[in-house]
Amino acid sequence: IRITYCGELGYELYIPSEFAVHVYNHLIDQGSSFNLTHAGLKALSSLRMEKGYRDYGHDMDNTDNIIDVGLSFTCDFNKPEGFIGKDIILEKKKQNKIPRKRLVQVLLNDPNPMMFHGEVVFRNGIPVGDIRAASYGHTLGGSVGLSMIEDPNQKPISNKYINSGQWTVKIANQIVPATVSLK
């Protein structure tokens, strides 16, 4: 399959288990001339966090909808047989309202503290969400994560809302300045 979960061009190989060792050995042997190196799950997590790629069951679940998590572009609303929840999502889109909950990317402005999961996100000193997943973003130069935020006064979570706020994250009883984005 010509796709990767880290946002770069690459391949995912689906190999019958009885051939896995042989294929692995062949890839390692042939890959040495291309400086092939092993990369673990944390490397993959870091890359997907930088891209803002969502992981179902971790960053989002069945209590979230595709508009709030920023994935409505993935739905084929013209699919003849439809899909579960299509009518509800079409009604939300028809209302054309800015969501009151949004999954956002959070980047710490200080490169030293690390986010992992569950850290509280604040806008102007008021808690509005928590980190659902995070990793160190090596190309971004700091810890980066995803958070579902919701204003306590039910204000729409627009770009203006995000850009006009002062964002921080509480990590080990320290308040760390952050940058929040819908992208």
N, C-alpha and C. Protein backbone atom coordinates (compact mmCIF):
# COMPACT_ATOMS: atom_id res chain seq x y z
N ILE A 1 0.86 -1.17 0.00
CA ILE A 1 0.00 0.00 0.00
C ILE A 1 0.90 1.22 0.00
N ARG A 2 0.59 2.20 -0.85
CA ARG A 2 1.40 3.42 -0.99
C ARG A 2 0.88 4.48 -0.03
N ILE A 3 1.17 4.29 1.24
CA ILE A 3 0.69 5.21 2.27
C ILE A 3 1.57 5.03 3.50
N THR A 4 1.65 6.06 4.30
CA THR A 4 2.31 5.89 5.60
C THR A 4 1.52 6.65 6.64
N TYR A 5 1.69 6.25 7.86
CA TYR A 5 1.00 6.86 8.98
C TYR A 5 1.75 8.08 9.51
N CYS A 6 2.95 8.32 8.98
CA CYS A 6 3.74 9.44 9.48
C CYS A 6 3.71 10.63 8.53
N GLY A 7 2.95 10.55 7.45
CA GLY A 7 2.77 11.70 6.59
C GLY A 7 3.78 11.85 5.47
N GLU A 8 4.65 10.92 5.30
CA GLU A 8 5.64 10.99 4.23
C GLU A 8 5.37 9.85 3.24
N LEU A 9 5.94 9.99 2.06
CA LEU A 9 5.78 8.93 1.08
C LEU A 9 6.49 7.68 1.57
N GLY A 10 5.89 6.56 1.36
CA GLY A 10 6.49 5.30 1.81
C GLY A 10 5.56 4.15 1.52
N TYR A 11 5.87 3.04 2.08
CA TYR A 11 5.06 1.84 1.84
C TYR A 11 4.76 1.13 3.15
N GLU A 12 3.60 0.52 3.22
CA GLU A 12 3.27 -0.42 4.27
C GLU A 12 3.14 -1.77 3.59
N LEU A 13 3.85 -2.73 4.09
CA LEU A 13 3.86 -4.05 3.48
C LEU A 13 3.00 -5.01 4.28
N TYR A 14 2.16 -5.73 3.60
CA TYR A 14 1.33 -6.76 4.22
C TYR A 14 1.83 -8.10 3.71
N ILE A 15 2.43 -8.85 4.62
CA ILE A 15 3.13 -10.08 4.26
C ILE A 15 2.58 -11.24 5.07
N PRO A 16 2.29 -12.36 4.42
CA PRO A 16 1.87 -13.54 5.19
C PRO A 16 2.94 -13.88 6.24
N SER A 17 2.53 -14.24 7.42
CA SER A 17 3.46 -14.45 8.53
C SER A 17 4.56 -15.45 8.21
N GLU A 18 4.26 -16.46 7.40
CA GLU A 18 5.28 -17.47 7.10
C GLU A 18 6.42 -16.92 6.24
N PHE A 19 6.22 -15.74 5.61
CA PHE A 19 7.27 -15.13 4.78
C PHE A 19 7.91 -13.91 5.43
N ALA A 20 7.44 -13.54 6.61
CA ALA A 20 7.87 -12.28 7.24
C ALA A 20 9.37 -12.24 7.52
N VAL A 21 9.94 -13.30 8.06
CA VAL A 21 11.37 -13.30 8.38
C VAL A 21 12.20 -13.19 7.11
N HIS A 22 11.83 -13.93 6.10
CA HIS A 22 12.57 -13.88 4.83
C HIS A 22 12.51 -12.47 4.23
N VAL A 23 11.33 -11.88 4.19
CA VAL A 23 11.19 -10.53 3.61
C VAL A 23 11.97 -9.51 4.44
N TYR A 24 11.88 -9.62 5.76
CA TYR A 24 12.62 -8.72 6.64
C TYR A 24 14.12 -8.80 6.36
N ASN A 25 14.66 -10.02 6.33
CA ASN A 25 16.09 -10.20 6.07
C ASN A 25 16.49 -9.63 4.72
N HIS A 26 15.66 -9.83 3.72
CA HIS A 26 15.94 -9.32 2.38
C HIS A 26 15.93 -7.78 2.37
N LEU A 27 14.95 -7.18 3.03
CA LEU A 27 14.89 -5.72 3.11
C LEU A 27 16.13 -5.15 3.81
N ILE A 28 16.53 -5.75 4.90
CA ILE A 28 17.71 -5.28 5.64
C ILE A 28 18.95 -5.40 4.77
N ASP A 29 19.08 -6.54 4.09
CA ASP A 29 20.24 -6.76 3.23
C ASP A 29 20.29 -5.73 2.10
N GLN A 30 19.20 -5.58 1.38
CA GLN A 30 19.16 -4.66 0.25
C GLN A 30 19.13 -3.20 0.70
N GLY A 31 18.57 -2.94 1.86
CA GLY A 31 18.44 -1.57 2.34
C GLY A 31 19.73 -0.95 2.82
N SER A 32 20.73 -1.75 3.11
CA SER A 32 21.99 -1.22 3.62
C SER A 32 22.63 -0.24 2.64
N SER A 33 22.47 -0.47 1.35
CA SER A 33 23.04 0.46 0.37
C SER A 33 22.28 1.78 0.30
N PHE A 34 21.10 1.84 0.93
CA PHE A 34 20.30 3.07 0.97
C PHE A 34 20.29 3.69 2.37
N ASN A 35 21.20 3.22 3.24
CA ASN A 35 21.27 3.68 4.63
C ASN A 35 19.98 3.42 5.39
N LEU A 36 19.33 2.30 5.10
CA LEU A 36 18.12 1.91 5.81
C LEU A 36 18.44 1.77 7.29
N THR A 37 17.56 2.28 8.11
CA THR A 37 17.74 2.15 9.56
C THR A 37 16.42 1.78 10.20
N HIS A 38 16.50 1.14 11.35
CA HIS A 38 15.29 0.79 12.09
C HIS A 38 14.74 2.04 12.77
N ALA A 39 13.44 2.14 12.77
CA ALA A 39 12.76 3.23 13.49
C ALA A 39 11.63 2.60 14.29
N GLY A 40 11.53 2.96 15.54
CA GLY A 40 10.55 2.33 16.41
C GLY A 40 9.24 3.06 16.47
N LEU A 41 8.39 2.59 17.34
CA LEU A 41 7.05 3.13 17.49
C LEU A 41 7.07 4.58 17.94
N LYS A 42 8.02 4.95 18.79
CA LYS A 42 8.11 6.35 19.25
C LYS A 42 8.47 7.28 18.09
N ALA A 43 9.29 6.82 17.17
CA ALA A 43 9.61 7.63 15.99
C ALA A 43 8.35 7.86 15.16
N LEU A 44 7.58 6.81 14.97
CA LEU A 44 6.33 6.91 14.22
C LEU A 44 5.37 7.86 14.93
N SER A 45 5.27 7.74 16.24
CA SER A 45 4.39 8.61 17.02
C SER A 45 4.82 10.06 16.91
N SER A 46 6.11 10.31 16.97
CA SER A 46 6.62 11.67 16.85
C SER A 46 6.24 12.28 15.50
N LEU A 47 6.42 11.51 14.44
CA LEU A 47 6.11 12.01 13.10
C LEU A 47 4.62 12.26 12.92
N ARG A 48 3.77 11.37 13.44
CA ARG A 48 2.33 11.57 13.27
C ARG A 48 1.84 12.76 14.09
N MET A 49 2.45 12.99 15.25
CA MET A 49 2.08 14.16 16.06
C MET A 49 2.42 15.45 15.33
N GLU A 50 3.59 15.49 14.71
CA GLU A 50 3.99 16.68 13.96
C GLU A 50 3.02 16.97 12.82
N LYS A 51 2.52 15.93 12.19
CA LYS A 51 1.57 16.08 11.09
C LYS A 51 0.13 16.26 11.57
N GLY A 52 -0.11 15.98 12.84
CA GLY A 52 -1.47 16.07 13.37
C GLY A 52 -2.35 14.91 12.94
N TYR A 53 -1.73 13.77 12.60
CA TYR A 53 -2.49 12.60 12.19
C TYR A 53 -3.17 11.98 13.41
N ARG A 54 -4.43 11.66 13.25
CA ARG A 54 -5.24 11.13 14.34
C ARG A 54 -5.13 9.61 14.44
N ASP A 55 -5.26 9.11 15.67
CA ASP A 55 -5.23 7.68 15.95
C ASP A 55 -6.55 7.32 16.64
N TYR A 56 -7.41 6.59 15.92
CA TYR A 56 -8.70 6.21 16.50
C TYR A 56 -8.49 5.31 17.71
N GLY A 57 -9.17 5.64 18.77
CA GLY A 57 -9.04 4.89 20.01
C GLY A 57 -8.05 5.53 20.97
N HIS A 58 -7.30 6.49 20.48
CA HIS A 58 -6.33 7.18 21.33
C HIS A 58 -6.60 8.68 21.33
N ASP A 59 -6.56 9.31 20.16
CA ASP A 59 -6.80 10.75 20.04
C ASP A 59 -8.30 11.06 19.89
N MET A 60 -9.01 10.10 19.38
CA MET A 60 -10.46 10.25 19.16
C MET A 60 -11.11 8.89 19.35
N ASP A 61 -12.42 8.93 19.63
CA ASP A 61 -13.14 7.67 19.81
C ASP A 61 -14.58 7.84 19.39
N ASN A 62 -15.42 6.89 19.74
CA ASN A 62 -16.81 6.90 19.28
C ASN A 62 -17.65 7.99 19.95
N THR A 63 -17.09 8.73 20.89
CA THR A 63 -17.84 9.85 21.48
C THR A 63 -17.57 11.16 20.73
N ASP A 64 -16.62 11.14 19.80
CA ASP A 64 -16.29 12.32 19.00
C ASP A 64 -16.97 12.21 17.63
N ASN A 65 -17.18 13.35 16.98
CA ASN A 65 -17.69 13.27 15.61
C ASN A 65 -16.62 13.78 14.64
N ILE A 66 -16.78 13.46 13.38
CA ILE A 66 -15.74 13.75 12.39
C ILE A 66 -15.53 15.23 12.16
N ILE A 67 -16.53 16.05 12.43
CA ILE A 67 -16.35 17.49 12.28
C ILE A 67 -15.45 18.02 13.40
N ASP A 68 -15.73 17.63 14.64
CA ASP A 68 -14.95 18.10 15.78
C ASP A 68 -13.49 17.67 15.70
N VAL A 69 -13.23 16.49 15.14
CA VAL A 69 -11.84 16.02 15.04
C VAL A 69 -11.18 16.43 13.73
N GLY A 70 -11.88 17.21 12.91
CA GLY A 70 -11.28 17.75 11.68
C GLY A 70 -11.14 16.76 10.55
N LEU A 71 -12.02 15.77 10.49
CA LEU A 71 -11.89 14.74 9.46
C LEU A 71 -13.10 14.63 8.53
N SER A 72 -13.95 15.64 8.49
CA SER A 72 -15.13 15.53 7.62
C SER A 72 -14.74 15.45 6.14
N PHE A 73 -13.54 15.92 5.80
CA PHE A 73 -13.08 15.84 4.41
C PHE A 73 -12.88 14.40 3.96
N THR A 74 -12.83 13.46 4.90
CA THR A 74 -12.59 12.06 4.55
C THR A 74 -13.86 11.31 4.18
N CYS A 75 -15.01 11.95 4.36
CA CYS A 75 -16.29 11.27 4.12
C CYS A 75 -16.78 11.49 2.70
N ASP A 76 -17.29 10.44 2.11
CA ASP A 76 -17.93 10.53 0.80
C ASP A 76 -19.44 10.64 1.04
N PHE A 77 -19.93 11.88 1.04
CA PHE A 77 -21.34 12.12 1.32
C PHE A 77 -22.24 11.71 0.15
N ASN A 78 -21.63 11.40 -0.99
CA ASN A 78 -22.40 10.95 -2.15
C ASN A 78 -22.38 9.43 -2.31
N LYS A 79 -21.81 8.74 -1.37
CA LYS A 79 -21.74 7.28 -1.41
C LYS A 79 -23.16 6.73 -1.44
N PRO A 80 -23.50 5.93 -2.45
CA PRO A 80 -24.89 5.46 -2.62
C PRO A 80 -25.49 4.79 -1.39
N GLU A 81 -24.72 3.94 -0.72
CA GLU A 81 -25.27 3.24 0.44
C GLU A 81 -25.09 4.03 1.74
N GLY A 82 -24.47 5.21 1.65
CA GLY A 82 -24.29 6.06 2.82
C GLY A 82 -23.33 5.48 3.83
N PHE A 83 -23.42 5.94 5.06
CA PHE A 83 -22.62 5.42 6.15
C PHE A 83 -23.32 5.75 7.46
N ILE A 84 -22.96 5.04 8.51
CA ILE A 84 -23.59 5.24 9.82
C ILE A 84 -23.28 6.66 10.30
N GLY A 85 -24.31 7.38 10.66
CA GLY A 85 -24.15 8.74 11.17
C GLY A 85 -24.17 9.82 10.10
N LYS A 86 -24.35 9.42 8.84
CA LYS A 86 -24.32 10.38 7.72
C LYS A 86 -25.34 11.49 7.91
N ASP A 87 -26.56 11.17 8.26
CA ASP A 87 -27.61 12.19 8.39
C ASP A 87 -27.29 13.22 9.46
N ILE A 88 -26.73 12.76 10.57
CA ILE A 88 -26.37 13.67 11.67
C ILE A 88 -25.26 14.61 11.23
N ILE A 89 -24.25 14.08 10.57
CA ILE A 89 -23.13 14.90 10.12
C ILE A 89 -23.58 15.89 9.04
N LEU A 90 -24.44 15.44 8.12
CA LEU A 90 -24.96 16.36 7.10
C LEU A 90 -25.76 17.50 7.74
N GLU A 91 -26.53 17.20 8.77
CA GLU A 91 -27.29 18.23 9.48
C GLU A 91 -26.35 19.23 10.14
N LYS A 92 -25.28 18.73 10.76
CA LYS A 92 -24.29 19.62 11.39
C LYS A 92 -23.63 20.50 10.33
N LYS A 93 -23.28 19.91 9.18
CA LYS A 93 -22.65 20.69 8.11
C LYS A 93 -23.63 21.73 7.56
N LYS A 94 -24.89 21.36 7.46
CA LYS A 94 -25.93 22.26 6.94
C LYS A 94 -26.07 23.49 7.84
N GLN A 95 -25.95 23.29 9.14
CA GLN A 95 -26.05 24.40 10.08
C GLN A 95 -24.88 25.36 9.91
N ASN A 96 -23.77 24.85 9.34
CA ASN A 96 -22.59 25.66 9.02
C ASN A 96 -22.09 26.45 10.23
N LYS A 97 -22.19 25.85 11.39
CA LYS A 97 -21.73 26.50 12.60
C LYS A 97 -20.30 26.06 12.90
N ILE A 98 -19.56 26.95 13.51
CA ILE A 98 -18.21 26.60 13.95
C ILE A 98 -18.36 25.68 15.16
N PRO A 99 -17.66 24.55 15.16
CA PRO A 99 -17.80 23.60 16.26
C PRO A 99 -17.45 24.20 17.62
N ARG A 100 -18.10 23.72 18.64
CA ARG A 100 -17.83 24.16 20.02
C ARG A 100 -16.82 23.25 20.72
N LYS A 101 -16.44 22.19 20.03
CA LYS A 101 -15.36 21.29 20.46
C LYS A 101 -14.47 21.09 19.25
N ARG A 102 -13.16 21.09 19.46
CA ARG A 102 -12.23 20.86 18.34
C ARG A 102 -11.01 20.11 18.82
N LEU A 103 -10.52 19.22 18.00
CA LEU A 103 -9.25 18.57 18.25
C LEU A 103 -8.17 19.48 17.68
N VAL A 104 -7.25 19.92 18.52
CA VAL A 104 -6.22 20.87 18.12
C VAL A 104 -4.84 20.29 18.37
N GLN A 105 -3.87 20.86 17.67
CA GLN A 105 -2.48 20.51 17.90
C GLN A 105 -1.90 21.49 18.91
N VAL A 106 -1.14 20.99 19.86
CA VAL A 106 -0.54 21.81 20.91
C VAL A 106 0.97 21.60 20.87
N LEU A 107 1.71 22.69 20.71
CA LEU A 107 3.18 22.65 20.68
C LEU A 107 3.70 23.48 21.83
N LEU A 108 4.52 22.87 22.69
CA LEU A 108 5.13 23.62 23.79
C LEU A 108 6.17 24.59 23.23
N ASN A 109 6.18 25.80 23.77
CA ASN A 109 7.15 26.81 23.31
C ASN A 109 8.55 26.56 23.89
N ASP A 110 8.64 25.83 24.97
CA ASP A 110 9.91 25.47 25.61
C ASP A 110 10.27 24.06 25.14
N PRO A 111 11.49 23.85 24.61
CA PRO A 111 11.85 22.53 24.08
C PRO A 111 12.12 21.47 25.13
N ASN A 112 12.20 21.82 26.40
CA ASN A 112 12.60 20.85 27.43
C ASN A 112 11.47 20.03 28.04
N PRO A 113 10.34 20.61 28.47
CA PRO A 113 9.30 19.77 29.09
C PRO A 113 8.69 18.79 28.07
N MET A 114 8.23 17.66 28.58
CA MET A 114 7.59 16.66 27.73
C MET A 114 6.13 16.47 28.12
N MET A 115 5.29 16.38 27.11
CA MET A 115 3.89 15.98 27.32
C MET A 115 3.80 14.50 26.94
N PHE A 116 2.90 13.80 27.61
CA PHE A 116 2.70 12.38 27.30
C PHE A 116 1.22 12.08 27.06
N HIS A 117 0.40 12.40 28.07
CA HIS A 117 -1.02 12.11 27.98
C HIS A 117 -1.68 12.64 29.25
N GLY A 118 -2.78 13.35 29.11
CA GLY A 118 -3.55 13.78 30.27
C GLY A 118 -3.19 15.15 30.83
N GLU A 119 -2.18 15.81 30.30
CA GLU A 119 -1.82 17.13 30.80
C GLU A 119 -2.94 18.12 30.47
N VAL A 120 -3.25 19.02 31.40
CA VAL A 120 -4.36 19.96 31.23
C VAL A 120 -3.91 21.14 30.36
N VAL A 121 -4.77 21.50 29.41
CA VAL A 121 -4.53 22.63 28.50
C VAL A 121 -5.39 23.80 28.97
N PHE A 122 -4.77 24.98 29.05
CA PHE A 122 -5.44 26.19 29.50
C PHE A 122 -5.46 27.25 28.41
N ARG A 123 -6.56 27.99 28.33
CA ARG A 123 -6.65 29.18 27.49
C ARG A 123 -6.94 30.34 28.44
N ASN A 124 -6.05 31.31 28.46
CA ASN A 124 -6.18 32.46 29.34
C ASN A 124 -6.38 32.04 30.80
N GLY A 125 -5.67 31.00 31.21
CA GLY A 125 -5.71 30.53 32.59
C GLY A 125 -6.88 29.64 32.96
N ILE A 126 -7.76 29.35 32.01
CA ILE A 126 -8.95 28.54 32.27
C ILE A 126 -8.77 27.18 31.58
N PRO A 127 -8.98 26.07 32.30
CA PRO A 127 -8.83 24.75 31.66
C PRO A 127 -9.89 24.54 30.57
N VAL A 128 -9.43 24.11 29.40
CA VAL A 128 -10.34 23.88 28.27
C VAL A 128 -10.19 22.50 27.65
N GLY A 129 -9.23 21.71 28.14
CA GLY A 129 -9.04 20.38 27.57
C GLY A 129 -7.85 19.69 28.19
N ASP A 130 -7.52 18.55 27.64
CA ASP A 130 -6.33 17.83 28.09
C ASP A 130 -5.69 17.13 26.90
N ILE A 131 -4.42 16.82 27.06
CA ILE A 131 -3.66 16.18 25.99
C ILE A 131 -4.10 14.73 25.87
N ARG A 132 -4.49 14.35 24.67
CA ARG A 132 -4.91 12.96 24.42
C ARG A 132 -3.73 12.09 24.01
N ALA A 133 -2.75 12.68 23.34
CA ALA A 133 -1.54 11.96 22.95
C ALA A 133 -0.47 13.00 22.66
N ALA A 134 0.79 12.64 22.90
CA ALA A 134 1.89 13.58 22.64
C ALA A 134 3.19 12.83 22.44
N SER A 135 4.14 13.53 21.88
CA SER A 135 5.48 13.00 21.66
C SER A 135 6.40 14.19 21.45
N TYR A 136 7.68 13.95 21.36
CA TYR A 136 8.60 15.04 21.05
C TYR A 136 8.62 15.21 19.53
N GLY A 137 8.43 16.43 19.07
CA GLY A 137 8.47 16.73 17.64
C GLY A 137 9.85 17.21 17.25
N HIS A 138 10.67 16.34 16.72
CA HIS A 138 12.06 16.68 16.44
C HIS A 138 12.21 17.79 15.40
N THR A 139 11.35 17.83 14.40
CA THR A 139 11.46 18.91 13.41
C THR A 139 10.80 20.19 13.91
N LEU A 140 9.93 20.10 14.91
CA LEU A 140 9.28 21.28 15.49
C LEU A 140 10.06 21.83 16.68
N GLY A 141 10.93 21.03 17.26
CA GLY A 141 11.78 21.49 18.35
C GLY A 141 11.11 21.56 19.71
N GLY A 142 10.12 20.70 19.94
CA GLY A 142 9.45 20.69 21.24
C GLY A 142 8.41 19.59 21.30
N SER A 143 7.86 19.41 22.48
CA SER A 143 6.82 18.42 22.68
C SER A 143 5.55 18.88 21.98
N VAL A 144 4.91 17.97 21.26
CA VAL A 144 3.71 18.28 20.49
C VAL A 144 2.65 17.22 20.76
N GLY A 145 1.39 17.66 20.86
CA GLY A 145 0.33 16.71 21.14
C GLY A 145 -1.00 17.15 20.56
N LEU A 146 -2.00 16.31 20.77
CA LEU A 146 -3.36 16.61 20.32
C LEU A 146 -4.26 16.71 21.55
N SER A 147 -5.15 17.70 21.51
CA SER A 147 -6.07 17.92 22.63
C SER A 147 -7.45 18.27 22.09
N MET A 148 -8.47 17.68 22.68
CA MET A 148 -9.84 18.10 22.39
C MET A 148 -10.15 19.24 23.35
N ILE A 149 -10.40 20.42 22.77
CA ILE A 149 -10.69 21.57 23.64
C ILE A 149 -12.15 21.96 23.50
N GLU A 150 -12.67 22.50 24.59
CA GLU A 150 -14.06 22.94 24.64
C GLU A 150 -14.12 24.12 25.61
N ASP A 151 -14.60 25.25 25.12
CA ASP A 151 -14.70 26.44 25.97
C ASP A 151 -15.80 26.23 27.01
N PRO A 152 -15.53 26.57 28.29
CA PRO A 152 -16.54 26.37 29.33
C PRO A 152 -17.81 27.20 29.12
N ASN A 153 -17.72 28.28 28.32
CA ASN A 153 -18.88 29.12 28.01
C ASN A 153 -19.49 28.77 26.65
N GLN A 154 -19.06 27.63 26.11
CA GLN A 154 -19.58 27.12 24.83
C GLN A 154 -19.32 28.06 23.65
N LYS A 155 -18.22 28.82 23.69
CA LYS A 155 -17.85 29.67 22.55
C LYS A 155 -17.37 28.77 21.42
N PRO A 156 -17.66 29.15 20.17
CA PRO A 156 -17.17 28.37 19.03
C PRO A 156 -15.64 28.39 18.98
N ILE A 157 -15.05 27.25 18.62
CA ILE A 157 -13.59 27.12 18.56
C ILE A 157 -13.14 27.44 17.13
N SER A 158 -13.02 28.72 16.84
CA SER A 158 -12.60 29.21 15.53
C SER A 158 -11.12 29.55 15.54
N ASN A 159 -10.57 29.87 14.38
CA ASN A 159 -9.19 30.35 14.32
C ASN A 159 -9.02 31.61 15.17
N LYS A 160 -10.02 32.47 15.14
CA LYS A 160 -9.97 33.70 15.94
C LYS A 160 -9.90 33.36 17.43
N TYR A 161 -10.71 32.42 17.87
CA TYR A 161 -10.69 31.97 19.26
C TYR A 161 -9.30 31.46 19.63
N ILE A 162 -8.73 30.66 18.77
CA ILE A 162 -7.41 30.09 19.04
C ILE A 162 -6.34 31.17 19.04
N ASN A 163 -6.33 32.01 18.03
CA ASN A 163 -5.28 33.02 17.89
C ASN A 163 -5.37 34.13 18.93
N SER A 164 -6.53 34.35 19.52
CA SER A 164 -6.68 35.44 20.49
C SER A 164 -6.42 34.99 21.93
N GLY A 165 -6.14 33.73 22.13
CA GLY A 165 -5.94 33.22 23.48
C GLY A 165 -4.48 33.08 23.86
N GLN A 166 -4.22 33.09 25.15
CA GLN A 166 -2.89 32.76 25.68
C GLN A 166 -2.97 31.32 26.15
N TRP A 167 -2.17 30.45 25.54
CA TRP A 167 -2.25 29.01 25.76
C TRP A 167 -1.12 28.51 26.63
N THR A 168 -1.45 27.64 27.57
CA THR A 168 -0.46 27.01 28.43
C THR A 168 -0.88 25.56 28.70
N VAL A 169 0.09 24.79 29.15
CA VAL A 169 -0.15 23.39 29.52
C VAL A 169 0.48 23.16 30.89
N LYS A 170 -0.25 22.47 31.76
CA LYS A 170 0.29 22.16 33.08
C LYS A 170 1.00 20.82 33.03
N ILE A 171 2.32 20.87 33.30
CA ILE A 171 3.15 19.67 33.28
C ILE A 171 3.90 19.59 34.60
N ALA A 172 3.61 18.56 35.37
CA ALA A 172 4.28 18.34 36.66
C ALA A 172 4.25 19.61 37.51
N ASN A 173 3.07 20.19 37.65
CA ASN A 173 2.83 21.39 38.46
C ASN A 173 3.53 22.64 37.94
N GLN A 174 3.98 22.61 36.69
CA GLN A 174 4.54 23.80 36.05
C GLN A 174 3.63 24.21 34.90
N ILE A 175 3.45 25.52 34.75
CA ILE A 175 2.66 26.05 33.64
C ILE A 175 3.63 26.41 32.51
N VAL A 176 3.44 25.77 31.35
CA VAL A 176 4.36 25.93 30.22
C VAL A 176 3.61 26.60 29.06
N PRO A 177 4.13 27.73 28.53
CA PRO A 177 3.50 28.37 27.38
C PRO A 177 3.47 27.44 26.17
N ALA A 178 2.40 27.57 25.38
CA ALA A 178 2.21 26.70 24.22
C ALA A 178 1.61 27.47 23.06
N THR A 179 1.72 26.88 21.89
CA THR A 179 1.08 27.38 20.66
C THR A 179 0.05 26.34 20.25
N VAL A 180 -1.14 26.80 19.94
CA VAL A 180 -2.25 25.91 19.57
C VAL A 180 -2.65 26.20 18.13
N SER A 181 -2.97 25.14 17.40
CA SER A 181 -3.31 25.27 15.99
C SER A 181 -4.37 24.24 15.60
N LEU A 182 -5.20 24.61 14.61
CA LEU A 182 -6.14 23.65 14.04
C LEU A 182 -5.49 22.79 12.97
N LYS A 183 -4.27 23.11 12.58
CA LYS A 183 -3.60 22.37 11.49
C LYS A 183 -2.65 21.36 12.02
